[in-house]
Amino acid sequence: MVVLGSNSCGSTSLIQSVLGVNSIVGGKVFIKGAGTSGQLKENYKQFHKLHGIVGYQPQRSSIDNSLTVLQHLTLFSNLSGISNENRDSEVEAIVKACCLDDLRDVNTDKLTSG
């Protein structure tokens, strides 16, 4: 699932609520059996179940602009626990799926924010 939206449409608030950053006013969200609800302390109890299932990338981020696209993908694959023997093929699959072939060696400060 991907949530994209323009400013003020609520996409950021939705994701932050799912991840437990914001309290949910009403209702519940379930992702692969892990749920979040209106109580923030309940969200923290369930948050570990969402690790590796839900990711959040705000527009302003801590991406290191001195790294290339390929270096970032490799870094995040390591942080995600992808084994060394599978890392290169997984990173390559992401490059292909996201049509990043021409950008793999470009530093991220040269990319558009869109």
PDB file of N, CA and C in Angstrom:
ATOM      1  N   MET A   1       0.843  -1.171   0.000  1.00  0.00           N
ATOM      2  CA  MET A   1       0.000   0.000   0.000  1.00  0.00           C
ATOM      3  C   MET A   1       0.885   1.228   0.000  1.00  0.00           C
ATOM      4  N   VAL A   2       0.525   2.208  -0.773  1.00  0.00           N
ATOM      5  CA  VAL A   2       1.226   3.482  -0.812  1.00  0.00           C
ATOM      6  C   VAL A   2       0.197   4.575  -0.615  1.00  0.00           C
ATOM      7  N   VAL A   3       0.545   5.554   0.196  1.00  0.00           N
ATOM      8  CA  VAL A   3      -0.328   6.701   0.396  1.00  0.00           C
ATOM      9  C   VAL A   3       0.423   7.923  -0.106  1.00  0.00           C
ATOM     10  N   LEU A   4      -0.111   8.538  -1.134  1.00  0.00           N
ATOM     11  CA  LEU A   4       0.463   9.766  -1.669  1.00  0.00           C
ATOM     12  C   LEU A   4      -0.603  10.834  -1.634  1.00  0.00           C
ATOM     13  N   GLY A   5      -0.193  12.049  -1.396  1.00  0.00           N
ATOM     14  CA  GLY A   5      -1.179  13.116  -1.398  1.00  0.00           C
ATOM     15  C   GLY A   5      -0.515  14.477  -1.422  1.00  0.00           C
ATOM     16  N   SER A   6      -1.262  15.442  -1.878  1.00  0.00           N
ATOM     17  CA  SER A   6      -0.762  16.814  -1.887  1.00  0.00           C
ATOM     18  C   SER A   6      -0.845  17.376  -0.475  1.00  0.00           C
ATOM     19  N   ASN A   7      -0.251  18.538  -0.296  1.00  0.00           N
ATOM     20  CA  ASN A   7      -0.311  19.196   1.009  1.00  0.00           C
ATOM     21  C   ASN A   7      -1.749  19.327   1.468  1.00  0.00           C
ATOM     22  N   SER A   8      -1.964  19.143   2.724  1.00  0.00           N
ATOM     23  CA  SER A   8      -3.246  19.321   3.417  1.00  0.00           C
ATOM     24  C   SER A   8      -4.341  18.335   3.019  1.00  0.00           C
ATOM     25  N   CYS A   9      -3.983  17.198   2.414  1.00  0.00           N
ATOM     26  CA  CYS A   9      -5.019  16.213   2.103  1.00  0.00           C
ATOM     27  C   CYS A   9      -5.139  15.158   3.195  1.00  0.00           C
ATOM     28  N   GLY A  10      -4.191  15.130   4.144  1.00  0.00           N
ATOM     29  CA  GLY A  10      -4.291  14.204   5.266  1.00  0.00           C
ATOM     30  C   GLY A  10      -3.453  12.946   5.172  1.00  0.00           C
ATOM     31  N   SER A  11      -2.678  12.776   4.102  1.00  0.00           N
ATOM     32  CA  SER A  11      -1.906  11.543   3.951  1.00  0.00           C
ATOM     33  C   SER A  11      -0.854  11.402   5.049  1.00  0.00           C
ATOM     34  N   THR A  12      -0.163  12.471   5.386  1.00  0.00           N
ATOM     35  CA  THR A  12       0.848  12.411   6.443  1.00  0.00           C
ATOM     36  C   THR A  12       0.199  12.103   7.788  1.00  0.00           C
ATOM     37  N   SER A  13      -0.911  12.755   8.080  1.00  0.00           N
ATOM     38  CA  SER A  13      -1.613  12.503   9.348  1.00  0.00           C
ATOM     39  C   SER A  13      -2.078  11.059   9.434  1.00  0.00           C
ATOM     40  N   LEU A  14      -2.551  10.511   8.333  1.00  0.00           N
ATOM     41  CA  LEU A  14      -2.995   9.124   8.315  1.00  0.00           C
ATOM     42  C   LEU A  14      -1.850   8.188   8.671  1.00  0.00           C
ATOM     43  N   ILE A  15      -0.736   8.321   7.989  1.00  0.00           N
ATOM     44  CA  ILE A  15       0.402   7.442   8.230  1.00  0.00           C
ATOM     45  C   ILE A  15       0.942   7.624   9.643  1.00  0.00           C
ATOM     46  N   GLN A  16       1.028   8.875  10.117  1.00  0.00           N
ATOM     47  CA  GLN A  16       1.510   9.111  11.471  1.00  0.00           C
ATOM     48  C   GLN A  16       0.576   8.485  12.504  1.00  0.00           C
ATOM     49  N   SER A  17      -0.703   8.489  12.247  1.00  0.00           N
ATOM     50  CA  SER A  17      -1.659   7.858  13.156  1.00  0.00           C
ATOM     51  C   SER A  17      -1.501   6.341  13.147  1.00  0.00           C
ATOM     52  N   VAL A  18      -1.321   5.766  11.975  1.00  0.00           N
ATOM     53  CA  VAL A  18      -1.128   4.318  11.861  1.00  0.00           C
ATOM     54  C   VAL A  18       0.124   3.893  12.620  1.00  0.00           C
ATOM     55  N   LEU A  19       1.173   4.704  12.536  1.00  0.00           N
ATOM     56  CA  LEU A  19       2.445   4.359  13.177  1.00  0.00           C
ATOM     57  C   LEU A  19       2.501   4.734  14.653  1.00  0.00           C
ATOM     58  N   GLY A  20       1.455   5.376  15.171  1.00  0.00           N
ATOM     59  CA  GLY A  20       1.438   5.711  16.585  1.00  0.00           C
ATOM     60  C   GLY A  20       2.056   7.034  16.930  1.00  0.00           C
ATOM     61  N   VAL A  21       2.441   7.830  15.932  1.00  0.00           N
ATOM     62  CA  VAL A  21       3.001   9.153  16.192  1.00  0.00           C
ATOM     63  C   VAL A  21       1.900  10.100  16.670  1.00  0.00           C
ATOM     64  N   ASN A  22       0.732   9.997  16.062  1.00  0.00           N
ATOM     65  CA  ASN A  22      -0.442  10.776  16.454  1.00  0.00           C
ATOM     66  C   ASN A  22      -1.501   9.834  17.011  1.00  0.00           C
ATOM     67  N   SER A  23      -2.331  10.347  17.919  1.00  0.00           N
ATOM     68  CA  SER A  23      -3.463   9.554  18.403  1.00  0.00           C
ATOM     69  C   SER A  23      -4.548   9.499  17.343  1.00  0.00           C
ATOM     70  N   ILE A  24      -5.210   8.372  17.255  1.00  0.00           N
ATOM     71  CA  ILE A  24      -6.331   8.215  16.337  1.00  0.00           C
ATOM     72  C   ILE A  24      -7.585   8.691  17.057  1.00  0.00           C
ATOM     73  N   VAL A  25      -8.340   9.548  16.407  1.00  0.00           N
ATOM     74  CA  VAL A  25      -9.541  10.108  17.021  1.00  0.00           C
ATOM     75  C   VAL A  25     -10.614   9.040  17.183  1.00  0.00           C
ATOM     76  N   GLY A  26     -10.782   8.194  16.198  1.00  0.00           N
ATOM     77  CA  GLY A  26     -11.779   7.139  16.271  1.00  0.00           C
ATOM     78  C   GLY A  26     -11.464   6.037  15.297  1.00  0.00           C
ATOM     79  N   GLY A  27     -11.970   4.866  15.575  1.00  0.00           N
ATOM     80  CA  GLY A  27     -11.770   3.737  14.676  1.00  0.00           C
ATOM     81  C   GLY A  27     -10.472   3.009  14.944  1.00  0.00           C
ATOM     82  N   LYS A  28     -10.194   2.017  14.129  1.00  0.00           N
ATOM     83  CA  LYS A  28      -8.983   1.209  14.260  1.00  0.00           C
ATOM     84  C   LYS A  28      -8.419   0.938  12.881  1.00  0.00           C
ATOM     85  N   VAL A  29      -7.127   0.685  12.834  1.00  0.00           N
ATOM     86  CA  VAL A  29      -6.442   0.322  11.599  1.00  0.00           C
ATOM     87  C   VAL A  29      -5.752  -1.001  11.848  1.00  0.00           C
ATOM     88  N   PHE A  30      -5.926  -1.957  10.930  1.00  0.00           N
ATOM     89  CA  PHE A  30      -5.253  -3.247  11.036  1.00  0.00           C
ATOM     90  C   PHE A  30      -4.441  -3.492   9.773  1.00  0.00           C
ATOM     91  N   ILE A  31      -3.187  -3.876   9.965  1.00  0.00           N
ATOM     92  CA  ILE A  31      -2.304  -4.212   8.860  1.00  0.00           C
ATOM     93  C   ILE A  31      -1.689  -5.565   9.189  1.00  0.00           C
ATOM     94  N   LYS A  32      -2.055  -6.573   8.414  1.00  0.00           N
ATOM     95  CA  LYS A  32      -1.575  -7.944   8.631  1.00  0.00           C
ATOM     96  C   LYS A  32      -1.766  -8.374  10.085  1.00  0.00           C
ATOM     97  N   GLY A  33      -2.901  -8.046  10.652  1.00  0.00           N
ATOM     98  CA  GLY A  33      -3.229  -8.484  12.004  1.00  0.00           C
ATOM     99  C   GLY A  33      -2.758  -7.576  13.113  1.00  0.00           C
ATOM    100  N   ALA A  34      -1.826  -6.679  12.829  1.00  0.00           N
ATOM    101  CA  ALA A  34      -1.364  -5.731  13.846  1.00  0.00           C
ATOM    102  C   ALA A  34      -2.250  -4.498  13.756  1.00  0.00           C
ATOM    103  N   GLY A  35      -2.767  -4.078  14.895  1.00  0.00           N
ATOM    104  CA  GLY A  35      -3.711  -2.973  14.882  1.00  0.00           C
ATOM    105  C   GLY A  35      -3.263  -1.795  15.708  1.00  0.00           C
ATOM    106  N   THR A  36      -3.780  -0.641  15.355  1.00  0.00           N
ATOM    107  CA  THR A  36      -3.589   0.561  16.145  1.00  0.00           C
ATOM    108  C   THR A  36      -4.965   1.114  16.447  1.00  0.00           C
ATOM    109  N   SER A  37      -5.082   1.778  17.561  1.00  0.00           N
ATOM    110  CA  SER A  37      -6.369   2.346  17.946  1.00  0.00           C
ATOM    111  C   SER A  37      -6.149   3.723  18.551  1.00  0.00           C
ATOM    112  N   GLY A  38      -7.195   4.273  19.150  1.00  0.00           N
ATOM    113  CA  GLY A  38      -7.160   5.638  19.649  1.00  0.00           C
ATOM    114  C   GLY A  38      -6.189   5.912  20.770  1.00  0.00           C
ATOM    115  N   GLN A  39      -5.805   4.927  21.539  1.00  0.00           N
ATOM    116  CA  GLN A  39      -4.906   5.163  22.662  1.00  0.00           C
ATOM    117  C   GLN A  39      -3.452   5.055  22.210  1.00  0.00           C
ATOM    118  N   LEU A  40      -2.708   6.131  22.398  1.00  0.00           N
ATOM    119  CA  LEU A  40      -1.318   6.163  21.957  1.00  0.00           C
ATOM    120  C   LEU A  40      -0.501   5.051  22.622  1.00  0.00           C
ATOM    121  N   LYS A  41      -0.731   4.788  23.912  1.00  0.00           N
ATOM    122  CA  LYS A  41       0.042   3.738  24.578  1.00  0.00           C
ATOM    123  C   LYS A  41      -0.245   2.370  23.971  1.00  0.00           C
ATOM    124  N   GLU A  42      -1.467   2.136  23.490  1.00  0.00           N
ATOM    125  CA  GLU A  42      -1.772   0.877  22.808  1.00  0.00           C
ATOM    126  C   GLU A  42      -1.001   0.787  21.496  1.00  0.00           C
ATOM    127  N   ASN A  43      -0.872   1.919  20.789  1.00  0.00           N
ATOM    128  CA  ASN A  43      -0.135   1.923  19.528  1.00  0.00           C
ATOM    129  C   ASN A  43       1.317   1.502  19.737  1.00  0.00           C
ATOM    130  N   TYR A  44       1.936   1.994  20.810  1.00  0.00           N
ATOM    131  CA  TYR A  44       3.324   1.631  21.057  1.00  0.00           C
ATOM    132  C   TYR A  44       3.473   0.138  21.295  1.00  0.00           C
ATOM    133  N   LYS A  45       2.490  -0.471  21.937  1.00  0.00           N
ATOM    134  CA  LYS A  45       2.544  -1.908  22.173  1.00  0.00           C
ATOM    135  C   LYS A  45       2.484  -2.680  20.857  1.00  0.00           C
ATOM    136  N   GLN A  46       1.771  -2.159  19.876  1.00  0.00           N
ATOM    137  CA  GLN A  46       1.593  -2.841  18.598  1.00  0.00           C
ATOM    138  C   GLN A  46       2.620  -2.431  17.549  1.00  0.00           C
ATOM    139  N   PHE A  47       3.329  -1.317  17.786  1.00  0.00           N
ATOM    140  CA  PHE A  47       4.203  -0.762  16.755  1.00  0.00           C
ATOM    141  C   PHE A  47       5.246  -1.755  16.268  1.00  0.00           C
ATOM    142  N   HIS A  48       5.839  -2.533  17.172  1.00  0.00           N
ATOM    143  CA  HIS A  48       6.887  -3.468  16.757  1.00  0.00           C
ATOM    144  C   HIS A  48       6.375  -4.478  15.744  1.00  0.00           C
ATOM    145  N   LYS A  49       5.075  -4.758  15.755  1.00  0.00           N
ATOM    146  CA  LYS A  49       4.514  -5.706  14.788  1.00  0.00           C
ATOM    147  C   LYS A  49       4.446  -5.105  13.381  1.00  0.00           C
ATOM    148  N   LEU A  50       4.478  -3.777  13.297  1.00  0.00           N
ATOM    149  CA  LEU A  50       4.397  -3.110  12.003  1.00  0.00           C
ATOM    150  C   LEU A  50       5.774  -2.888  11.378  1.00  0.00           C
ATOM    151  N   HIS A  51       6.843  -3.085  12.156  1.00  0.00           N
ATOM    152  CA  HIS A  51       8.188  -2.881  11.634  1.00  0.00           C
ATOM    153  C   HIS A  51       8.431  -3.825  10.459  1.00  0.00           C
ATOM    154  N   GLY A  52       8.887  -3.280   9.374  1.00  0.00           N
ATOM    155  CA  GLY A  52       9.133  -4.073   8.179  1.00  0.00           C
ATOM    156  C   GLY A  52       7.917  -4.221   7.282  1.00  0.00           C
ATOM    157  N   ILE A  53       6.750  -3.791   7.785  1.00  0.00           N
ATOM    158  CA  ILE A  53       5.530  -3.844   6.982  1.00  0.00           C
ATOM    159  C   ILE A  53       5.166  -2.442   6.503  1.00  0.00           C
ATOM    160  N   VAL A  54       5.294  -1.476   7.405  1.00  0.00           N
ATOM    161  CA  VAL A  54       4.925  -0.097   7.103  1.00  0.00           C
ATOM    162  C   VAL A  54       6.174   0.767   7.149  1.00  0.00           C
ATOM    163  N   GLY A  55       6.365   1.556   6.135  1.00  0.00           N
ATOM    164  CA  GLY A  55       7.465   2.511   6.111  1.00  0.00           C
ATOM    165  C   GLY A  55       6.920   3.912   5.947  1.00  0.00           C
ATOM    166  N   TYR A  56       7.657   4.857   6.441  1.00  0.00           N
ATOM    167  CA  TYR A  56       7.222   6.253   6.373  1.00  0.00           C
ATOM    168  C   TYR A  56       8.391   7.088   5.903  1.00  0.00           C
ATOM    169  N   GLN A  57       8.236   7.766   4.787  1.00  0.00           N
ATOM    170  CA  GLN A  57       9.286   8.630   4.262  1.00  0.00           C
ATOM    171  C   GLN A  57       8.718  10.025   4.058  1.00  0.00           C
ATOM    172  N   PRO A  58       8.931  10.917   5.016  1.00  0.00           N
ATOM    173  CA  PRO A  58       8.446  12.285   4.839  1.00  0.00           C
ATOM    174  C   PRO A  58       9.239  12.993   3.745  1.00  0.00           C
ATOM    175  N   GLN A  59       8.660  14.061   3.206  1.00  0.00           N
ATOM    176  CA  GLN A  59       9.352  14.787   2.146  1.00  0.00           C
ATOM    177  C   GLN A  59      10.674  15.360   2.643  1.00  0.00           C
ATOM    178  N   ARG A  60      10.664  15.917   3.823  1.00  0.00           N
ATOM    179  CA  ARG A  60      11.917  16.391   4.420  1.00  0.00           C
ATOM    180  C   ARG A  60      12.441  15.228   5.251  1.00  0.00           C
ATOM    181  N   SER A  61      13.649  14.826   4.945  1.00  0.00           N
ATOM    182  CA  SER A  61      14.132  13.618   5.599  1.00  0.00           C
ATOM    183  C   SER A  61      15.596  13.749   5.968  1.00  0.00           C
ATOM    184  N   SER A  62      16.110  12.673   6.496  1.00  0.00           N
ATOM    185  CA  SER A  62      17.514  12.629   6.906  1.00  0.00           C
ATOM    186  C   SER A  62      18.365  11.912   5.866  1.00  0.00           C
ATOM    187  N   ILE A  63      17.927  11.909   4.632  1.00  0.00           N
ATOM    188  CA  ILE A  63      18.716  11.285   3.567  1.00  0.00           C
ATOM    189  C   ILE A  63      20.024  12.051   3.432  1.00  0.00           C
ATOM    190  N   ASP A  64      21.110  11.326   3.290  1.00  0.00           N
ATOM    191  CA  ASP A  64      22.439  11.921   3.162  1.00  0.00           C
ATOM    192  C   ASP A  64      22.681  12.282   1.703  1.00  0.00           C
ATOM    193  N   ASN A  65      22.689  13.567   1.411  1.00  0.00           N
ATOM    194  CA  ASN A  65      22.824  14.023   0.028  1.00  0.00           C
ATOM    195  C   ASN A  65      24.181  13.717  -0.597  1.00  0.00           C
ATOM    196  N   SER A  66      25.148  13.251   0.195  1.00  0.00           N
ATOM    197  CA  SER A  66      26.445  12.896  -0.379  1.00  0.00           C
ATOM    198  C   SER A  66      26.449  11.461  -0.911  1.00  0.00           C
ATOM    199  N   LEU A  67      25.358  10.720  -0.664  1.00  0.00           N
ATOM    200  CA  LEU A  67      25.261   9.340  -1.149  1.00  0.00           C
ATOM    201  C   LEU A  67      24.478   9.281  -2.455  1.00  0.00           C
ATOM    202  N   THR A  68      24.777   8.269  -3.247  1.00  0.00           N
ATOM    203  CA  THR A  68      24.047   8.046  -4.488  1.00  0.00           C
ATOM    204  C   THR A  68      22.765   7.260  -4.197  1.00  0.00           C
ATOM    205  N   VAL A  69      21.923   7.169  -5.198  1.00  0.00           N
ATOM    206  CA  VAL A  69      20.703   6.384  -5.086  1.00  0.00           C
ATOM    207  C   VAL A  69      21.046   4.936  -4.731  1.00  0.00           C
ATOM    208  N   LEU A  70      22.009   4.354  -5.424  1.00  0.00           N
ATOM    209  CA  LEU A  70      22.409   2.971  -5.178  1.00  0.00           C
ATOM    210  C   LEU A  70      22.967   2.795  -3.769  1.00  0.00           C
ATOM    211  N   GLN A  71      23.764   3.756  -3.304  1.00  0.00           N
ATOM    212  CA  GLN A  71      24.307   3.680  -1.944  1.00  0.00           C
ATOM    213  C   GLN A  71      23.186   3.736  -0.902  1.00  0.00           C
ATOM    214  N   HIS A  72      22.177   4.574  -1.142  1.00  0.00           N
ATOM    215  CA  HIS A  72      21.041   4.633  -0.220  1.00  0.00           C
ATOM    216  C   HIS A  72      20.280   3.310  -0.184  1.00  0.00           C
ATOM    217  N   LEU A  73      20.015   2.761  -1.347  1.00  0.00           N
ATOM    218  CA  LEU A  73      19.288   1.490  -1.389  1.00  0.00           C
ATOM    219  C   LEU A  73      20.074   0.387  -0.685  1.00  0.00           C
ATOM    220  N   THR A  74      21.380   0.384  -0.856  1.00  0.00           N
ATOM    221  CA  THR A  74      22.226  -0.612  -0.194  1.00  0.00           C
ATOM    222  C   THR A  74      22.209  -0.397   1.322  1.00  0.00           C
ATOM    223  N   LEU A  75      22.320   0.849   1.751  1.00  0.00           N
ATOM    224  CA  LEU A  75      22.279   1.176   3.171  1.00  0.00           C
ATOM    225  C   LEU A  75      20.962   0.714   3.801  1.00  0.00           C
ATOM    226  N   PHE A  76      19.852   1.077   3.168  1.00  0.00           N
ATOM    227  CA  PHE A  76      18.554   0.723   3.731  1.00  0.00           C
ATOM    228  C   PHE A  76      18.287  -0.782   3.655  1.00  0.00           C
ATOM    229  N   SER A  77      18.852  -1.459   2.676  1.00  0.00           N
ATOM    230  CA  SER A  77      18.697  -2.915   2.641  1.00  0.00           C
ATOM    231  C   SER A  77      19.451  -3.544   3.808  1.00  0.00           C
ATOM    232  N   ASN A  78      20.607  -2.997   4.140  1.00  0.00           N
ATOM    233  CA  ASN A  78      21.350  -3.496   5.304  1.00  0.00           C
ATOM    234  C   ASN A  78      20.577  -3.232   6.587  1.00  0.00           C
ATOM    235  N   LEU A  79      20.016  -2.036   6.724  1.00  0.00           N
ATOM    236  CA  LEU A  79      19.239  -1.683   7.916  1.00  0.00           C
ATOM    237  C   LEU A  79      17.975  -2.535   8.035  1.00  0.00           C
ATOM    238  N   SER A  80      17.462  -2.979   6.906  1.00  0.00           N
ATOM    239  CA  SER A  80      16.241  -3.793   6.899  1.00  0.00           C
ATOM    240  C   SER A  80      16.511  -5.258   7.195  1.00  0.00           C
ATOM    241  N   GLY A  81      17.779  -5.617   7.283  1.00  0.00           N
ATOM    242  CA  GLY A  81      18.113  -6.996   7.619  1.00  0.00           C
ATOM    243  C   GLY A  81      18.198  -7.935   6.435  1.00  0.00           C
ATOM    244  N   ILE A  82      18.270  -7.409   5.236  1.00  0.00           N
ATOM    245  CA  ILE A  82      18.434  -8.268   4.063  1.00  0.00           C
ATOM    246  C   ILE A  82      19.835  -8.863   4.104  1.00  0.00           C
ATOM    247  N   SER A  83      19.933 -10.151   3.921  1.00  0.00           N
ATOM    248  CA  SER A  83      21.222 -10.829   4.021  1.00  0.00           C
ATOM    249  C   SER A  83      22.174 -10.360   2.930  1.00  0.00           C
ATOM    250  N   ASN A  84      23.471 -10.461   3.212  1.00  0.00           N
ATOM    251  CA  ASN A  84      24.484 -10.033   2.252  1.00  0.00           C
ATOM    252  C   ASN A  84      24.370 -10.771   0.930  1.00  0.00           C
ATOM    253  N   GLU A  85      24.029 -12.068   0.992  1.00  0.00           N
ATOM    254  CA  GLU A  85      23.946 -12.840  -0.251  1.00  0.00           C
ATOM    255  C   GLU A  85      22.742 -12.455  -1.105  1.00  0.00           C
ATOM    256  N   ASN A  86      21.708 -11.873  -0.497  1.00  0.00           N
ATOM    257  CA  ASN A  86      20.523 -11.448  -1.244  1.00  0.00           C
ATOM    258  C   ASN A  86      20.497  -9.949  -1.538  1.00  0.00           C
ATOM    259  N   ARG A  87      21.387  -9.201  -0.880  1.00  0.00           N
ATOM    260  CA  ARG A  87      21.344  -7.743  -0.962  1.00  0.00           C
ATOM    261  C   ARG A  87      21.421  -7.214  -2.397  1.00  0.00           C
ATOM    262  N   ASP A  88      22.414  -7.633  -3.142  1.00  0.00           N
ATOM    263  CA  ASP A  88      22.601  -7.081  -4.488  1.00  0.00           C
ATOM    264  C   ASP A  88      21.408  -7.355  -5.392  1.00  0.00           C
ATOM    265  N   SER A  89      20.860  -8.565  -5.330  1.00  0.00           N
ATOM    266  CA  SER A  89      19.711  -8.878  -6.186  1.00  0.00           C
ATOM    267  C   SER A  89      18.464  -8.116  -5.734  1.00  0.00           C
ATOM    268  N   GLU A  90      18.287  -7.930  -4.425  1.00  0.00           N
ATOM    269  CA  GLU A  90      17.146  -7.158  -3.922  1.00  0.00           C
ATOM    270  C   GLU A  90      17.258  -5.695  -4.332  1.00  0.00           C
ATOM    271  N   VAL A  91      18.445  -5.124  -4.186  1.00  0.00           N
ATOM    272  CA  VAL A  91      18.659  -3.726  -4.577  1.00  0.00           C
ATOM    273  C   VAL A  91      18.431  -3.563  -6.073  1.00  0.00           C
ATOM    274  N   GLU A  92      18.930  -4.500  -6.850  1.00  0.00           N
ATOM    275  CA  GLU A  92      18.747  -4.437  -8.305  1.00  0.00           C
ATOM    276  C   GLU A  92      17.274  -4.527  -8.674  1.00  0.00           C
ATOM    277  N   ALA A  93      16.533  -5.356  -7.974  1.00  0.00           N
ATOM    278  CA  ALA A  93      15.093  -5.474  -8.237  1.00  0.00           C
ATOM    279  C   ALA A  93      14.380  -4.146  -7.951  1.00  0.00           C
ATOM    280  N   ILE A  94      14.781  -3.457  -6.902  1.00  0.00           N
ATOM    281  CA  ILE A  94      14.176  -2.154  -6.587  1.00  0.00           C
ATOM    282  C   ILE A  94      14.545  -1.128  -7.648  1.00  0.00           C
ATOM    283  N   VAL A  95      15.801  -1.129  -8.076  1.00  0.00           N
ATOM    284  CA  VAL A  95      16.237  -0.207  -9.134  1.00  0.00           C
ATOM    285  C   VAL A  95      15.386  -0.405 -10.383  1.00  0.00           C
ATOM    286  N   LYS A  96      15.179  -1.653 -10.772  1.00  0.00           N
ATOM    287  CA  LYS A  96      14.376  -1.956 -11.971  1.00  0.00           C
ATOM    288  C   LYS A  96      12.909  -1.582 -11.763  1.00  0.00           C
ATOM    289  N   ALA A  97      12.341  -1.976 -10.628  1.00  0.00           N
ATOM    290  CA  ALA A  97      10.918  -1.731 -10.376  1.00  0.00           C
ATOM    291  C   ALA A  97      10.591  -0.242 -10.316  1.00  0.00           C
ATOM    292  N   CYS A  98      11.545   0.548  -9.852  1.00  0.00           N
ATOM    293  CA  CYS A  98      11.305   1.998  -9.717  1.00  0.00           C
ATOM    294  C   CYS A  98      11.879   2.799 -10.878  1.00  0.00           C
ATOM    295  N   CYS A  99      12.351   2.090 -11.920  1.00  0.00           N
ATOM    296  CA  CYS A  99      12.907   2.754 -13.117  1.00  0.00           C
ATOM    297  C   CYS A  99      14.027   3.723 -12.754  1.00  0.00           C
ATOM    298  N   LEU A 100      14.959   3.260 -11.932  1.00  0.00           N
ATOM    299  CA  LEU A 100      16.062   4.099 -11.467  1.00  0.00           C
ATOM    300  C   LEU A 100      17.389   3.786 -12.154  1.00  0.00           C
ATOM    301  N   ASP A 101      17.342   3.016 -13.235  1.00  0.00           N
ATOM    302  CA  ASP A 101      18.583   2.625 -13.916  1.00  0.00           C
ATOM    303  C   ASP A 101      19.479   3.814 -14.234  1.00  0.00           C
ATOM    304  N   ASP A 102      18.899   4.876 -14.762  1.00  0.00           N
ATOM    305  CA  ASP A 102      19.689   6.045 -15.168  1.00  0.00           C
ATOM    306  C   ASP A 102      20.101   6.921 -13.988  1.00  0.00           C
ATOM    307  N   LEU A 103      19.551   6.648 -12.797  1.00  0.00           N
ATOM    308  CA  LEU A 103      19.827   7.492 -11.630  1.00  0.00           C
ATOM    309  C   LEU A 103      20.630   6.786 -10.548  1.00  0.00           C
ATOM    310  N   ARG A 104      20.986   5.540 -10.770  1.00  0.00           N
ATOM    311  CA  ARG A 104      21.632   4.745  -9.720  1.00  0.00           C
ATOM    312  C   ARG A 104      22.903   5.383  -9.171  1.00  0.00           C
ATOM    313  N   ASP A 105      23.666   6.108  -9.985  1.00  0.00           N
ATOM    314  CA  ASP A 105      24.930   6.703  -9.533  1.00  0.00           C
ATOM    315  C   ASP A 105      24.839   8.210  -9.312  1.00  0.00           C
ATOM    316  N   VAL A 106      23.615   8.714  -9.224  1.00  0.00           N
ATOM    317  CA  VAL A 106      23.387  10.147  -9.020  1.00  0.00           C
ATOM    318  C   VAL A 106      23.228  10.414  -7.523  1.00  0.00           C
ATOM    319  N   ASN A 107      23.915  11.455  -7.035  1.00  0.00           N
ATOM    320  CA  ASN A 107      23.730  11.842  -5.634  1.00  0.00           C
ATOM    321  C   ASN A 107      22.310  12.355  -5.433  1.00  0.00           C
ATOM    322  N   THR A 108      21.772  12.074  -4.262  1.00  0.00           N
ATOM    323  CA  THR A 108      20.361  12.407  -4.015  1.00  0.00           C
ATOM    324  C   THR A 108      20.089  13.907  -4.012  1.00  0.00           C
ATOM    325  N   ASP A 109      21.097  14.743  -3.802  1.00  0.00           N
ATOM    326  CA  ASP A 109      20.849  16.184  -3.849  1.00  0.00           C
ATOM    327  C   ASP A 109      20.594  16.670  -5.271  1.00  0.00           C
ATOM    328  N   LYS A 110      20.829  15.813  -6.252  1.00  0.00           N
ATOM    329  CA  LYS A 110      20.572  16.161  -7.663  1.00  0.00           C
ATOM    330  C   LYS A 110      19.187  15.710  -8.132  1.00  0.00           C
ATOM    331  N   LEU A 111      18.449  15.002  -7.270  1.00  0.00           N
ATOM    332  CA  LEU A 111      17.122  14.496  -7.619  1.00  0.00           C
ATOM    333  C   LEU A 111      16.061  15.544  -7.306  1.00  0.00           C
ATOM    334  N   THR A 112      14.965  15.495  -8.034  1.00  0.00           N
ATOM    335  CA  THR A 112      13.851  16.379  -7.725  1.00  0.00           C
ATOM    336  C   THR A 112      13.113  15.831  -6.509  1.00  0.00           C
ATOM    337  N   SER A 113      12.442  16.694  -5.792  1.00  0.00           N
ATOM    338  CA  SER A 113      11.725  16.233  -4.599  1.00  0.00           C
ATOM    339  C   SER A 113      10.475  15.437  -4.973  1.00  0.00           C
ATOM    340  N   GLY A 114       9.979  15.592  -6.196  1.00  0.00           N
ATOM    341  CA  GLY A 114       8.806  14.855  -6.633  1.00  0.00           C
ATOM    342  C   GLY A 114       9.144  13.458  -7.010  1.00  0.00           C
TER     343      GLY A 114
END
